[in-house]
Every structure is written in structure tokens, then in C-alpha cells.
Amino acid sequence: MGFSIALIVFSALMMLLVLMHKGKGGGLSDMFGGGMQSSVGGSSVAERNLDRITIVVGLLWFACIIVLGLLMKTNN
């Protein structure tokens, strides 16, 4: 039960983190005006930290899925 709740929390966090990322262009963000901003070089510290947090949450999300799969396999 705990891993199911963790999976829901990590899924919601992943959605929020992905939506917080700045559009890089060439995708759906261009359709809605996201490509209008000019890029002035490298990414800022906040963007790099957001990338790192997104990767960590993604790995935790993936681990929850693996653990839940193994628990379901052993319960059957």
C-alpha cells in the first residue's frame, strides 16, 4: 500500500516538474508561444537544479514501479 501511495505522489511530482521546464523549441511548446523567447546561452542554475530534481524523481518513480511489480508477482 505504501508503494502505491508513493507512486501516486511521484507521478504528480513528475507532472509538475516536467511542466515547469522551459520549452527548448521544436515541440508542442512552439505551438503555444513557448518558442518566442530567445535563448541567451547556457542554462541557469535553477534550470540545472530542476533537471537534477526531475531525474531523481524519475528514478524514484521507476523504482516504485519495479518494486510494485515484484510485490504483485510474489503475491500471486
Protein backbone atom coordinates (compact mmCIF):
# COMPACT_ATOMS: atom_id res chain seq x y z
CA MET A 1 0.00 0.00 0.00
CA GLY A 2 2.85 2.38 0.82
CA PHE A 3 4.47 1.97 -2.58
CA SER A 4 1.16 2.66 -4.32
CA ILE A 5 0.83 5.96 -2.49
CA ALA A 6 4.47 6.78 -3.24
CA LEU A 7 3.84 6.05 -6.92
CA ILE A 8 0.89 8.45 -6.97
CA VAL A 9 2.93 11.16 -5.24
CA PHE A 10 5.93 10.69 -7.55
CA SER A 11 3.64 10.70 -10.61
CA ALA A 12 2.08 14.01 -9.59
CA LEU A 13 5.53 15.44 -8.84
CA MET A 14 6.82 14.31 -12.24
CA MET A 15 3.94 16.05 -13.99
CA LEU A 16 4.61 19.28 -12.13
CA LEU A 17 8.36 19.15 -12.69
CA VAL A 18 8.03 18.44 -16.41
CA LEU A 19 5.55 21.29 -16.81
CA MET A 20 7.94 23.65 -15.00
CA HIS A 21 10.71 23.05 -17.55
CA LYS A 22 11.37 25.75 -20.08
CA GLY A 23 10.46 24.79 -23.64
CA LYS A 24 13.50 24.03 -25.76
CA GLY A 25 11.69 24.63 -29.04
CA GLY A 26 10.76 22.35 -31.88
CA GLY A 27 7.97 20.68 -29.96
CA LEU A 28 4.50 21.42 -28.72
CA SER A 29 5.80 24.41 -26.77
CA ASP A 30 6.25 26.26 -30.09
CA MET A 31 2.58 25.83 -30.90
CA PHE A 32 1.52 27.68 -27.78
CA GLY A 33 4.05 30.52 -27.94
CA GLY A 34 6.81 28.91 -25.92
CA GLY A 35 9.33 29.25 -28.73
CA MET A 36 9.10 33.04 -28.83
CA GLN A 37 11.75 33.53 -26.16
CA SER A 38 15.34 33.87 -27.25
CA SER A 39 17.95 31.64 -25.69
CA VAL A 40 20.93 33.58 -24.41
CA GLY A 41 23.37 30.73 -23.96
CA GLY A 42 23.70 28.15 -21.23
CA SER A 43 21.04 27.19 -18.78
CA SER A 44 20.78 28.89 -15.42
CA VAL A 45 21.48 27.27 -12.08
CA ALA A 46 17.75 26.97 -11.39
CA GLU A 47 17.19 25.08 -14.65
CA ARG A 48 20.07 22.71 -13.95
CA ASN A 49 18.75 22.05 -10.45
CA LEU A 50 15.28 21.46 -11.88
CA ASP A 51 16.80 18.96 -14.31
CA ARG A 52 18.56 17.15 -11.48
CA ILE A 53 15.43 17.05 -9.31
CA THR A 54 13.40 15.75 -12.26
CA ILE A 55 15.93 12.97 -12.88
CA VAL A 56 15.94 11.93 -9.20
CA VAL A 57 12.13 11.90 -9.01
CA GLY A 58 12.00 9.95 -12.28
CA LEU A 59 14.38 7.34 -10.91
CA LEU A 60 12.33 7.05 -7.71
CA TRP A 61 9.16 6.73 -9.81
CA PHE A 62 10.77 3.95 -11.85
CA ALA A 63 11.97 2.18 -8.68
CA CYS A 64 8.43 2.28 -7.25
CA ILE A 65 7.09 0.67 -10.41
CA ILE A 66 9.71 -2.09 -10.23
CA VAL A 67 9.03 -2.75 -6.53
CA LEU A 68 5.26 -2.81 -7.09
CA GLY A 69 5.72 -5.24 -9.98
CA LEU A 70 7.85 -7.54 -7.85
CA LEU A 71 5.37 -7.37 -4.98
CA MET A 72 2.50 -8.23 -7.29
CA LYS A 73 4.48 -11.14 -8.74
CA THR A 74 5.29 -12.60 -5.34
CA ASN A 75 1.72 -12.16 -4.04
CA ASN A 76 0.25 -14.28 -6.84
